[in-house]
Protein backbone atom coordinates (compact mmCIF):
# COMPACT_ATOMS: atom_id res chain seq x y z
CA MET A 1 3.99 19.27 33.62
CA ALA A 2 7.57 18.82 32.24
CA GLN A 3 8.72 18.61 35.71
CA THR A 4 6.65 15.97 36.61
CA GLN A 5 7.63 14.17 33.51
CA LYS A 6 11.69 14.34 34.96
CA GLN A 7 10.36 13.11 38.00
CA ASN A 8 8.54 10.33 37.34
CA SER A 9 11.81 9.84 34.70
CA PHE A 10 13.45 9.87 38.09
CA PHE A 11 11.84 7.69 40.28
CA GLY A 12 11.45 5.55 37.51
CA GLY A 13 15.10 4.96 36.90
CA ALA A 14 15.78 4.69 40.53
CA ALA A 15 12.99 1.95 40.46
CA ILE A 16 15.04 0.05 37.27
CA LEU A 17 18.19 0.23 39.83
CA ALA A 18 16.70 -0.89 42.88
CA ALA A 19 14.67 -3.92 41.12
CA GLY A 20 18.56 -5.02 39.29
CA ILE A 21 20.50 -4.72 42.85
CA LEU A 22 17.27 -7.31 43.85
CA ILE A 23 17.65 -9.71 41.17
CA VAL A 24 21.48 -9.41 41.56
CA LYS A 25 21.07 -10.25 44.81
CA LEU A 26 18.87 -13.58 44.40
CA ILE A 27 21.04 -14.99 42.24
CA GLY A 28 24.03 -14.53 44.39
CA MET A 29 21.85 -16.43 47.05
CA PHE A 30 21.22 -18.96 44.86
CA TYR A 31 24.97 -19.10 43.50
CA LYS A 32 26.59 -19.16 47.02
CA ILE A 33 24.03 -21.52 48.84
CA PRO A 34 25.29 -24.56 46.54
CA LEU A 35 28.84 -23.38 46.12
CA ILE A 36 29.86 -24.31 49.81
CA ASN A 37 28.10 -27.54 49.29
CA ILE A 38 30.25 -28.13 46.72
CA ILE A 39 33.56 -26.64 47.67
CA GLY A 40 32.89 -27.27 51.29
CA GLU A 41 34.36 -25.73 54.98
CA ALA A 42 37.73 -25.44 54.04
CA GLY A 43 36.98 -24.26 50.18
CA ALA A 44 34.34 -22.02 51.58
CA ALA A 45 36.95 -20.11 53.73
CA ASP A 46 39.34 -19.73 50.38
CA PHE A 47 36.76 -18.58 48.52
CA ASN A 48 35.83 -15.73 51.14
CA ASN A 49 38.94 -15.02 51.92
CA ALA A 50 39.50 -14.36 48.56
CA TYR A 51 37.06 -12.00 47.81
CA ASN A 52 37.31 -9.61 50.46
CA ILE A 53 40.22 -8.91 49.36
CA TYR A 54 39.09 -8.25 45.90
CA ALA A 55 36.55 -6.54 47.12
CA VAL A 56 38.79 -4.12 49.15
CA LEU A 57 40.75 -3.19 45.60
CA LEU A 58 37.26 -2.72 43.83
CA THR A 59 35.66 -0.70 46.40
CA VAL A 60 38.63 1.99 45.84
CA SER A 61 38.89 1.56 41.87
CA THR A 62 35.44 2.13 41.25
CA ALA A 63 33.45 3.16 44.25
CA GLY A 64 33.37 6.77 43.83
CA LEU A 65 34.21 7.57 40.26
CA PRO A 66 30.87 6.09 38.62
CA VAL A 67 29.12 8.78 41.11
CA ALA A 68 31.18 11.37 39.65
CA VAL A 69 30.88 10.50 36.34
CA SER A 70 27.39 10.31 36.35
CA LYS A 71 27.14 13.93 37.77
CA LEU A 72 29.71 15.61 35.76
CA VAL A 73 27.68 13.83 32.79
CA SER A 74 24.44 14.71 33.63
CA GLU A 75 25.16 18.01 34.55
CA ALA A 76 27.04 18.85 31.24
CA ASN A 77 24.04 17.05 29.03
CA ALA A 78 22.07 19.39 30.84
CA LEU A 79 24.08 22.65 29.40
CA ASP A 80 24.07 20.46 26.17
CA ARG A 81 27.82 20.67 26.13
CA ARG A 82 28.50 17.19 23.98
CA ASN A 83 32.22 17.76 23.72
CA GLN A 84 32.64 18.47 27.24
CA VAL A 85 30.45 14.69 27.65
CA ARG A 86 32.73 13.25 25.42
CA ARG A 87 36.31 14.43 27.22
CA THR A 88 34.78 13.19 30.85
CA PHE A 89 34.31 9.53 29.88
CA ARG A 90 37.78 9.41 28.10
CA LEU A 91 39.27 10.95 31.01
CA ALA A 92 37.66 8.52 33.29
CA LEU A 93 38.13 5.74 31.28
CA VAL A 94 41.80 6.44 31.07
CA LEU A 95 41.40 6.73 35.23
CA PHE A 96 39.45 3.56 35.49
CA LEU A 97 41.89 1.51 33.37
CA ALA A 98 44.69 2.60 35.45
CA LEU A 99 43.89 2.02 38.75
CA GLY A 100 42.48 -1.41 37.56
CA LEU A 101 45.59 -2.12 36.23
CA VAL A 102 47.69 -1.48 39.75
CA SER A 103 44.84 -3.35 41.33
CA PHE A 104 45.84 -6.16 39.07
CA LEU A 105 49.14 -6.18 39.41
CA VAL A 106 49.13 -6.27 43.24
CA MET A 107 46.44 -9.15 43.25
CA PHE A 108 48.07 -10.98 40.71
CA PHE A 109 51.65 -11.12 41.70
CA ARG A 110 51.23 -10.49 45.48
CA ALA A 111 48.79 -13.36 45.73
CA ASP A 112 50.80 -15.11 48.21
CA ALA A 113 51.93 -12.31 50.68
CA LEU A 114 47.74 -11.38 50.37
CA ALA A 115 47.08 -14.71 51.15
CA GLY A 116 49.09 -14.67 54.01
CA MET A 117 48.01 -11.61 55.38
CA MET A 118 44.52 -13.15 55.60
CA ASN A 119 46.20 -15.96 57.88
CA ASP A 120 45.23 -18.31 54.91
CA SER A 121 47.71 -19.43 52.43
CA LYS A 122 45.73 -21.45 50.18
CA ALA A 123 43.61 -18.43 49.28
CA ALA A 124 46.20 -17.74 46.77
CA ALA A 125 45.11 -19.22 43.45
CA GLY A 126 41.47 -17.55 44.11
CA ILE A 127 42.81 -13.84 44.53
CA ARG A 128 44.89 -14.40 41.21
CA ALA A 129 41.87 -16.01 39.54
CA LEU A 130 39.82 -12.62 40.19
CA ALA A 131 43.27 -10.31 39.70
CA PRO A 132 41.46 -9.52 35.87
CA ALA A 133 38.36 -8.83 37.05
CA VAL A 134 39.63 -5.63 38.71
CA VAL A 135 40.37 -4.12 35.07
CA CYS A 136 37.00 -5.32 33.78
CA VAL A 137 35.00 -3.82 36.33
CA GLY A 138 36.78 -0.42 36.27
CA CYS A 139 36.35 0.16 32.05
CA LEU A 140 32.06 -1.28 33.53
CA ALA A 141 32.06 1.62 35.97
CA ALA A 142 32.93 4.00 33.28
CA LEU A 143 30.24 3.04 30.94
CA ARG A 144 28.26 2.40 33.62
CA GLY A 145 28.37 6.35 35.14
CA TYR A 146 27.59 7.39 31.18
CA SER A 147 24.79 5.69 30.78
CA GLN A 148 23.45 6.54 34.21
CA GLY A 149 24.57 10.34 33.49
CA HIS A 150 22.46 9.88 30.53
CA SER A 151 19.56 9.46 32.63
CA ASN A 152 19.38 5.56 31.33
CA MET A 153 19.37 2.89 34.30
CA ALA A 154 18.44 0.05 32.36
CA PRO A 155 21.94 -0.86 30.60
CA THR A 156 23.43 -0.59 34.76
CA SER A 157 20.99 -3.33 36.16
CA VAL A 158 21.04 -5.86 33.08
CA SER A 159 24.68 -5.78 33.16
CA GLN A 160 24.72 -6.57 36.70
CA ILE A 161 21.95 -9.13 35.81
CA ILE A 162 24.62 -10.79 33.41
CA GLU A 163 27.27 -10.46 35.60
CA ALA A 164 25.11 -12.41 38.40
CA LEU A 165 24.13 -15.06 35.78
CA CYS A 166 27.87 -15.90 34.15
CA LYS A 167 28.93 -15.84 37.87
CA LEU A 168 26.01 -18.87 38.49
CA VAL A 169 26.51 -20.37 35.84
CA VAL A 170 30.27 -20.75 34.94
CA GLY A 171 31.36 -20.80 38.57
CA LEU A 172 29.29 -23.31 39.78
CA GLY A 173 29.84 -25.30 36.80
CA LEU A 174 33.50 -25.29 36.95
CA ALA A 175 33.43 -25.54 40.76
CA PHE A 176 31.55 -28.79 40.59
CA TRP A 177 33.91 -30.27 37.67
CA LEU A 178 36.99 -29.21 39.58
CA VAL A 179 35.74 -31.66 42.81
CA LYS A 180 34.97 -34.38 40.28
CA GLN A 181 38.35 -34.13 39.14
CA GLY A 182 39.44 -34.47 42.39
CA LYS A 183 41.39 -31.49 42.86
CA ASP A 184 41.66 -29.56 46.62
CA PRO A 185 39.41 -27.35 47.99
CA ASP A 186 41.51 -24.11 47.16
CA VAL A 187 41.49 -24.87 43.55
CA ALA A 188 37.80 -25.37 43.77
CA ALA A 189 37.10 -21.90 45.24
CA ALA A 190 39.38 -20.50 42.64
CA GLY A 191 37.36 -22.21 40.03
CA ALA A 192 34.06 -20.73 41.30
CA ILE A 193 36.06 -17.42 41.75
CA THR A 194 36.57 -17.46 38.00
CA GLY A 195 32.90 -17.21 37.08
CA VAL A 196 33.08 -14.05 38.75
CA THR A 197 36.13 -12.72 36.52
CA VAL A 198 33.89 -14.16 33.40
CA GLY A 199 30.64 -12.18 34.03
CA THR A 200 32.79 -9.20 34.80
CA VAL A 201 34.27 -9.93 30.87
CA VAL A 202 30.69 -10.62 29.57
CA ALA A 203 28.70 -7.89 31.23
CA LEU A 204 31.37 -5.20 29.99
CA ALA A 205 31.14 -6.83 26.04
CA TYR A 206 27.29 -6.02 26.53
CA MET A 207 28.32 -2.02 28.26
CA VAL A 208 30.37 -1.97 25.41
CA LEU A 209 28.12 -2.80 22.50
CA ASP A 210 25.39 -0.96 24.14
CA PHE A 211 27.37 2.17 24.32
CA LEU A 212 28.36 2.00 20.46
CA LEU A 213 24.56 1.43 19.86
CA SER A 214 23.23 4.79 21.96
CA ARG A 215 26.40 6.76 20.36
CA GLY A 216 25.02 6.15 16.89
CA ARG A 217 21.55 7.20 17.56
CA GLU A 218 23.06 10.32 19.48
CA ASP A 219 23.92 13.49 17.98
CA THR A 220 27.41 13.92 19.26
CA ARG A 221 28.65 16.94 17.33
CA GLY A 222 28.80 19.99 20.06
CA THR A 223 30.32 23.32 19.56
CA ASP A 224 31.30 24.13 23.18
CA ARG A 225 34.79 24.41 24.30
CA PRO A 226 35.71 21.59 26.97
CA ASP A 227 37.09 22.31 30.37
CA SER A 228 40.85 21.53 30.21
CA ALA A 229 41.80 17.90 30.84
CA GLY A 230 43.31 19.04 34.66
CA SER A 231 40.49 20.77 35.60
CA ILE A 232 37.86 17.63 34.74
CA LEU A 233 40.19 15.41 36.68
CA ALA A 234 40.55 17.56 39.35
CA ASN A 235 36.77 17.55 39.58
CA ILE A 236 35.94 13.64 39.01
CA LEU A 237 38.50 13.42 41.86
CA LYS A 238 36.78 16.03 44.05
CA ILE A 239 33.66 14.21 43.94
CA ALA A 240 34.46 10.46 43.90
CA VAL A 241 37.75 10.50 46.80
CA PRO A 242 35.21 11.05 49.55
CA ILE A 243 32.92 8.33 48.50
CA THR A 244 35.22 5.74 48.05
CA LEU A 245 36.67 6.54 51.38
CA SER A 246 33.87 6.38 52.58
CA SER A 247 32.84 3.18 50.70
CA SER A 248 36.36 1.35 51.12
CA MET A 249 35.87 1.44 54.94
CA VAL A 250 33.39 -1.30 55.39
CA GLY A 251 35.49 -3.60 53.03
CA ILE A 252 38.85 -2.62 55.02
CA VAL A 253 37.48 -3.76 58.17
CA THR A 254 36.09 -6.71 57.17
CA VAL A 255 39.61 -8.00 55.85
CA ILE A 256 40.60 -6.86 58.61
CA ASP A 257 38.02 -8.76 60.85
CA SER A 258 38.33 -11.78 58.35
CA SER A 259 41.97 -12.07 58.94
CA LEU A 260 42.28 -11.41 62.73
CA VAL A 261 39.62 -14.40 63.47
CA GLN A 262 41.56 -17.10 61.78
CA GLY A 263 44.73 -15.34 63.39
CA GLN A 264 43.36 -15.60 66.57
CA LEU A 265 42.33 -19.11 66.03
CA GLN A 266 45.68 -20.10 64.84
CA SER A 267 47.65 -18.18 67.92
CA ALA A 268 45.80 -17.84 71.07
CA LEU A 269 44.47 -21.18 70.24
CA ASP A 270 46.72 -22.78 68.79
CA LEU A 271 45.10 -24.21 65.84
CA THR A 272 46.76 -25.41 62.60
CA GLU A 273 45.67 -23.04 58.98
CA GLN A 274 43.54 -25.96 58.42
CA ALA A 275 41.64 -26.14 61.79
CA SER A 276 41.07 -22.79 61.30
CA ARG A 277 39.86 -22.72 57.55
CA THR A 278 37.40 -25.39 58.53
CA LEU A 279 36.13 -23.05 61.55
CA TYR A 280 36.29 -20.05 59.50
CA GLY A 281 34.41 -22.05 56.73
CA ASN A 282 31.05 -22.83 59.11
CA TYR A 283 31.33 -18.73 59.99
CA SER A 284 31.64 -18.46 56.22
CA GLY A 285 28.24 -20.62 55.73
CA ALA A 286 26.29 -18.71 58.12
CA LEU A 287 27.35 -15.51 56.92
CA ASN A 288 26.12 -16.39 53.86
CA ILE A 289 22.61 -17.25 55.38
CA TYR A 290 22.92 -14.13 57.50
CA ASN A 291 23.48 -11.56 54.88
CA LEU A 292 20.09 -12.81 52.76
CA PRO A 293 18.18 -10.13 54.71
CA THR A 294 19.85 -7.52 54.33
CA SER A 295 20.04 -8.10 50.55
CA LEU A 296 16.53 -7.84 50.76
CA MET A 297 16.89 -4.35 52.00
CA ALA A 298 19.00 -3.20 49.06
CA ALA A 299 15.39 -2.02 46.89
CA ILE A 300 14.53 0.15 50.09
CA THR A 301 17.70 1.66 50.37
CA ALA A 302 18.07 2.20 46.83
CA SER A 303 14.09 4.19 46.92
CA VAL A 304 14.99 5.64 50.06
CA ILE A 305 17.50 8.42 48.96
CA PRO A 306 15.77 9.46 45.91
CA ALA A 307 12.53 9.90 47.20
CA VAL A 308 13.43 11.59 50.22
CA SER A 309 15.86 14.07 48.14
CA ALA A 310 13.30 14.55 46.14
CA ALA A 311 10.63 15.81 48.95
CA LEU A 312 13.33 17.90 50.31
CA ALA A 313 13.92 19.57 46.82
CA ARG A 314 10.14 20.63 46.61
CA ARG A 315 10.54 21.81 50.42
CA ASP A 316 8.02 19.13 51.62
CA ARG A 317 9.56 18.42 54.98
CA ARG A 318 6.69 16.68 55.96
CA GLY A 319 6.73 14.65 52.95
CA ALA A 320 9.80 13.66 53.84
CA ALA A 321 9.38 12.60 57.27
CA ARG A 322 6.29 10.61 56.00
CA ILE A 323 8.40 8.51 53.42
CA THR A 324 11.27 8.46 56.44
CA GLY A 325 8.98 6.95 59.20
CA SER A 326 7.40 4.58 56.40
CA ALA A 327 11.01 3.67 55.48
CA LEU A 328 11.85 3.04 58.64
CA ARG A 329 8.99 1.07 60.01
CA ILE A 330 8.70 -0.98 56.34
CA THR A 331 12.34 -2.44 57.36
CA ALA A 332 11.51 -3.35 60.82
CA LEU A 333 7.81 -5.54 59.99
CA LEU A 334 10.63 -7.09 57.36
CA SER A 335 13.75 -7.67 59.67
CA PHE A 336 12.80 -8.50 62.82
CA PRO A 337 10.80 -11.58 62.05
CA MET A 338 13.71 -12.44 59.97
CA GLY A 339 15.81 -12.28 62.83
CA VAL A 340 14.19 -13.73 65.09
CA GLY A 341 13.54 -16.54 62.56
CA LEU A 342 17.48 -17.26 62.12
CA PHE A 343 17.68 -17.00 65.50
CA VAL A 344 15.48 -19.72 66.53
CA LEU A 345 15.73 -22.17 63.48
CA GLY A 346 19.37 -21.52 63.29
CA THR A 347 20.45 -24.72 63.22
CA PRO A 348 17.79 -26.57 61.48
CA ILE A 349 18.46 -24.30 58.97
CA ILE A 350 22.11 -24.86 58.13
CA ARG A 351 21.22 -28.63 58.62
CA LEU A 352 18.68 -28.23 55.33
CA LEU A 353 20.72 -25.78 53.00
CA PHE A 354 24.59 -27.04 54.25
CA PRO A 355 24.67 -30.53 54.69
CA LYS A 356 28.37 -30.27 54.33
CA LEU A 357 29.39 -27.86 57.19
CA ASN A 358 29.08 -28.49 60.69
CA VAL A 359 25.97 -28.46 61.77
CA ALA A 360 27.18 -27.92 65.58
CA VAL A 361 29.25 -25.38 64.92
CA ALA A 362 27.74 -23.53 61.77
CA GLY A 363 24.01 -23.64 63.56
CA PRO A 364 24.79 -21.79 66.88
CA LEU A 365 26.82 -19.16 64.61
CA LEU A 366 23.77 -18.12 62.54
CA SER A 367 21.64 -18.32 65.61
CA THR A 368 23.70 -15.80 67.02
CA LEU A 369 23.83 -13.61 63.87
CA GLY A 370 20.39 -13.79 63.44
CA ILE A 371 20.38 -11.14 66.50
CA ALA A 372 21.95 -8.75 64.73
CA THR A 373 19.90 -9.40 61.59
CA PRO A 374 17.59 -6.25 62.92
CA PHE A 375 20.70 -4.18 63.36
CA VAL A 376 22.10 -4.19 60.22
CA CYS A 377 18.91 -3.96 58.46
CA MET A 378 18.01 -0.61 60.17
CA VAL A 379 21.77 0.49 60.14
CA LEU A 380 21.63 -0.06 55.89
CA VAL A 381 18.24 2.58 55.86
CA CYS A 382 19.14 4.49 58.39
CA ASN A 383 22.56 5.63 56.91
CA SER A 384 20.39 6.15 53.31
CA VAL A 385 18.13 8.69 54.98
CA LEU A 386 20.93 10.49 56.75
CA GLN A 387 22.69 10.59 53.20
CA ALA A 388 19.09 11.73 51.71
CA HIS A 389 19.30 14.63 54.23
CA GLY A 390 22.74 15.93 53.61
CA PHE A 391 24.63 13.69 55.96
CA ILE A 392 27.22 12.45 53.60
CA ASN A 393 29.88 11.52 56.14
CA LEU A 394 28.11 11.25 59.35
CA PRO A 395 27.24 7.40 58.20
CA VAL A 396 30.82 6.54 57.44
CA ILE A 397 32.23 7.73 60.78
CA VAL A 398 29.69 5.76 62.46
CA MET A 399 30.34 3.11 60.90
CA VAL A 400 34.02 3.18 61.54
CA LEU A 401 33.27 3.39 65.05
CA GLY A 402 30.74 0.18 65.12
CA GLY A 403 34.24 -1.46 63.23
CA ILE A 404 36.38 -0.80 65.62
CA VAL A 405 34.33 -2.39 68.26
CA LYS A 406 34.33 -5.24 66.37
CA ILE A 407 37.68 -5.68 65.52
CA VAL A 408 38.15 -5.17 69.51
CA ASN A 409 36.01 -7.74 70.06
CA ASN A 410 37.09 -10.49 67.94
CA TYR A 411 40.61 -10.18 68.86
CA ASN A 412 39.29 -11.22 72.71
CA LEU A 413 36.45 -13.14 72.50
CA VAL A 414 37.82 -15.29 69.63
CA GLY A 415 41.11 -15.81 71.41
CA ALA A 416 38.62 -16.82 74.57
CA ILE A 417 36.41 -18.85 73.24
CA GLY A 418 37.03 -19.57 69.56
CA ILE A 419 34.72 -18.97 66.77
CA ALA A 420 31.47 -18.69 68.75
CA GLY A 421 32.91 -15.06 69.40
CA ALA A 422 32.97 -13.98 65.83
CA PRO A 423 29.11 -13.43 65.48
CA VAL A 424 28.99 -11.43 68.78
CA GLY A 425 31.25 -8.73 67.04
CA ASN A 426 28.33 -7.94 64.31
CA ILE A 427 25.92 -7.57 67.18
CA LEU A 428 28.08 -5.25 69.23
CA CYS A 429 29.25 -3.23 65.88
CA PHE A 430 25.60 -2.79 64.20
CA GLY A 431 24.05 -2.30 67.55
CA LEU A 432 26.19 0.78 68.47
CA ALA A 433 25.90 1.82 64.69
CA LEU A 434 22.16 2.00 65.20
CA VAL A 435 21.88 3.84 68.24
CA LEU A 436 24.24 6.31 67.09
CA ASP A 437 22.46 6.63 63.71
CA LEU A 438 18.94 7.22 65.34
CA VAL A 439 20.57 9.72 68.15
CA VAL A 440 21.49 11.59 64.81
CA ILE A 441 18.25 11.74 63.25
CA THR A 442 16.11 12.30 66.27
CA ARG A 443 18.47 15.37 66.57
CA VAL A 444 18.94 16.60 63.35
CA ILE A 445 15.86 15.84 61.19
CA PRO A 446 12.98 18.22 61.05
CA ASN A 447 9.18 16.28 61.42
CA ARG A 448 11.09 12.95 63.02
CA PRO A 449 9.13 9.78 63.12
CA ARG A 450 8.16 8.30 66.58
CA LEU A 451 10.68 5.76 67.17
CA LEU A 452 8.63 3.52 69.88
CA PRO A 453 5.96 2.48 67.64
CA ILE A 454 7.81 1.87 64.66
CA PHE A 455 10.22 -0.85 66.75
CA ALA A 456 7.73 -1.98 69.90
CA LYS A 457 5.03 -3.44 67.42
CA PRO A 458 7.38 -5.46 65.25
CA ALA A 459 9.23 -6.75 68.21
CA ILE A 460 6.11 -8.46 70.00
CA ALA A 461 4.99 -9.73 66.98
CA SER A 462 8.13 -11.01 65.88
CA ALA A 463 9.05 -12.43 70.02
CA VAL A 464 5.34 -14.27 69.62
CA MET A 465 5.94 -15.32 66.39
CA GLY A 466 9.40 -17.05 67.27
CA GLY A 467 7.89 -18.71 70.06
CA ALA A 468 5.31 -20.08 67.49
CA ALA A 469 7.95 -21.16 65.21
CA TRP A 470 9.79 -22.77 67.75
CA ALA A 471 7.31 -24.67 69.47
CA VAL A 472 6.18 -25.98 65.71
CA TYR A 473 9.50 -27.20 65.01
CA GLY A 474 10.10 -28.52 68.00
CA LEU A 475 7.04 -30.71 67.86
CA LEU A 476 7.47 -31.76 64.43
CA SER A 477 10.91 -32.97 64.96
CA ARG A 478 10.13 -34.99 68.13
CA ILE A 479 7.23 -36.94 66.23
CA LEU A 480 9.71 -37.10 62.71
CA SER A 481 12.67 -38.37 64.62
CA SER A 482 14.04 -41.49 64.77
CA GLU A 483 16.84 -43.85 66.47
CA GLN A 484 20.28 -43.40 64.62
CA VAL A 485 23.94 -44.63 65.45
CA ASP A 486 26.06 -41.29 65.89
CA GLN A 487 29.73 -41.53 64.73
CA ALA A 488 30.86 -42.44 68.24
CA GLY A 489 28.55 -45.48 68.04
CA GLN A 490 26.02 -43.51 70.52
CA THR A 491 22.37 -44.35 70.00
CA VAL A 492 20.93 -41.03 69.28
CA ARG A 493 17.47 -39.75 68.28
CA ALA A 494 17.75 -37.05 65.30
CA VAL A 495 15.27 -36.13 62.61
CA SER A 496 15.80 -36.88 58.97
CA ARG A 497 16.51 -34.47 56.11
CA MET A 498 13.08 -34.49 54.57
CA GLY A 499 11.76 -34.48 58.50
CA ASN A 500 13.80 -31.29 58.96
CA ALA A 501 12.55 -29.90 56.05
CA ALA A 502 9.18 -30.51 56.63
CA GLY A 503 9.27 -29.00 60.15
CA ILE A 504 11.16 -26.04 58.88
CA LEU A 505 8.46 -25.31 56.23
CA LEU A 506 5.91 -25.92 58.71
CA ALA A 507 7.36 -23.89 61.75
CA ILE A 508 7.73 -21.15 58.90
CA ALA A 509 4.15 -21.45 57.53
CA VAL A 510 2.53 -21.08 61.26
CA ALA A 511 5.21 -18.54 62.00
CA GLY A 512 3.70 -16.10 59.20
CA VAL A 513 0.24 -16.38 59.83
CA VAL A 514 0.80 -15.47 63.21
CA TYR A 515 2.75 -12.81 62.38
CA LEU A 516 0.46 -11.29 59.69
CA VAL A 517 -2.15 -11.63 62.21
CA LEU A 518 -0.14 -9.73 64.89
CA VAL A 519 0.54 -6.80 62.74
CA ILE A 520 -2.87 -6.53 61.45
CA ALA A 521 -3.90 -6.43 64.89
CA LEU A 522 -1.05 -4.16 66.38
CA ARG A 523 -1.52 -1.54 63.68
CA ALA A 524 2.26 -2.33 63.10
CA ILE A 525 1.49 -0.85 59.11
CA SER A 526 -0.20 2.23 57.76
CA ARG A 527 -2.30 3.26 55.06
CA ASP A 528 0.69 5.94 53.99
CA ASP A 529 3.43 3.16 54.32
CA LEU A 530 1.55 1.04 52.00
CA ALA A 531 0.70 3.43 49.87
CA LEU A 532 4.59 3.97 49.01
CA MET A 533 4.43 0.40 47.39
CA PRO A 534 3.38 -0.77 43.97
CA LYS A 535 -0.99 -1.51 44.45
CA GLY A 536 -0.39 -0.18 48.19
CA ASP A 537 -3.88 1.34 48.08
CA LYS A 538 -5.67 -2.01 47.34
CA LEU A 539 -3.74 -4.03 50.05
CA ALA A 540 -4.82 -1.45 52.28
CA ARG A 541 -8.24 -1.95 51.42
CA LEU A 542 -7.99 -5.52 51.58
CA LEU A 543 -6.54 -5.50 55.08
CA ARG A 544 -9.20 -2.54 55.86
CA LEU A 545 -6.34 0.22 57.23
């Protein structure tokens, strides 16, 4: 009975974290879409370049330490070592503050050098605006690790939502006001980034309050003798360093790639910094839409590791294989149609969501990125599956190999054909990573799922769905188009923004119906898959599975 309650508590905590992640990702979507329309193409490039620098230093400061704190606090709690818990938390907080302060000093006083490294001198203001956030997030990470070590996931989720909401309200508000004041795009981008810093401050205040209240309710008296500070720090670093190295690889590759793309635009194609900022801003807008499907995968990836790990702990290999197969199948069923939809409707989507971007540039970029969407979504879940089976470092090696392919591609292709070559790197990077992940899964995981049905049925259904969406939008846009005069004075037929929106919505509606019918007809989803979802049994009966 106690074991069942513990297991339910474990899955409940994972569900809370997964729900929090999903909400934060959705808030992020409502932040970035209007943001680009406020700060424009060049401002979007400045924002992304500053944020990429911040993401790397943030990962180095906080990626592995919360996990280490959570693990050590949880173990000490299980042994009722109250003094050990307190000393572990205090040492972790000191370590977080030290790393956060170093990152702050680098970002604030070396902002111009970091911006120059990104081939975007205008990103310096945004980098400085983000500098205080690194210190706050360090303290946040310590408090979140402490809370999770006590099996209390709610404060982490609530603080993440608070952080995202402040970023949305303060960041967008400041950016809008600065643009209205006639400020340059880089200043408006720095204003938007200030919302991130304010969010971390408010979230930290919430976590401190929660910590003080929870300490008041707990019996913190202990008779145990805590380990030495050196021993605890050594244990923290032993856990944190490998996780930090693995987590920072993606951010480092992103920074190198962003710098490389803009550098090649300026050197190989002889463009000015302003021109490269404009082109990269269009690419940033396309990336924001491309990242939405991966955001929706966050709930799946957050749930896979605990679910598979729990099955393996019970020595239930068949159960672990069933969960793995269902996770891969559900991911394929969600990611394939989203990728096809972006490929088919890339230009209309950009025209609808980002009227300030150059549709002729950003539209084809989004369509190309749509091809990479199923790859990146599947890779995220495959990595979670491998980590749940104990292969912690293998996904990192795979992602590094994919990142190297991406960097080499972008150096050559962007230098040859311009910004259109950048999304090809995503296809090659995540395509290679997926192939390598699947090879490993088929070789090392017992009772591995059959991969052909997992991919073939969603691919067939998505292809037919894509054809339906393309036909519906094409027909409706022809009906709703009218003659207009372009900037060159030529008379052309173009669809209005309202007509474009109507065409997209109808195309998505028809495509959704077609896809659902094909998924049921092809038996692409099983009763076991639906059983893993809330109310899945009722849905299975409704679909007669």
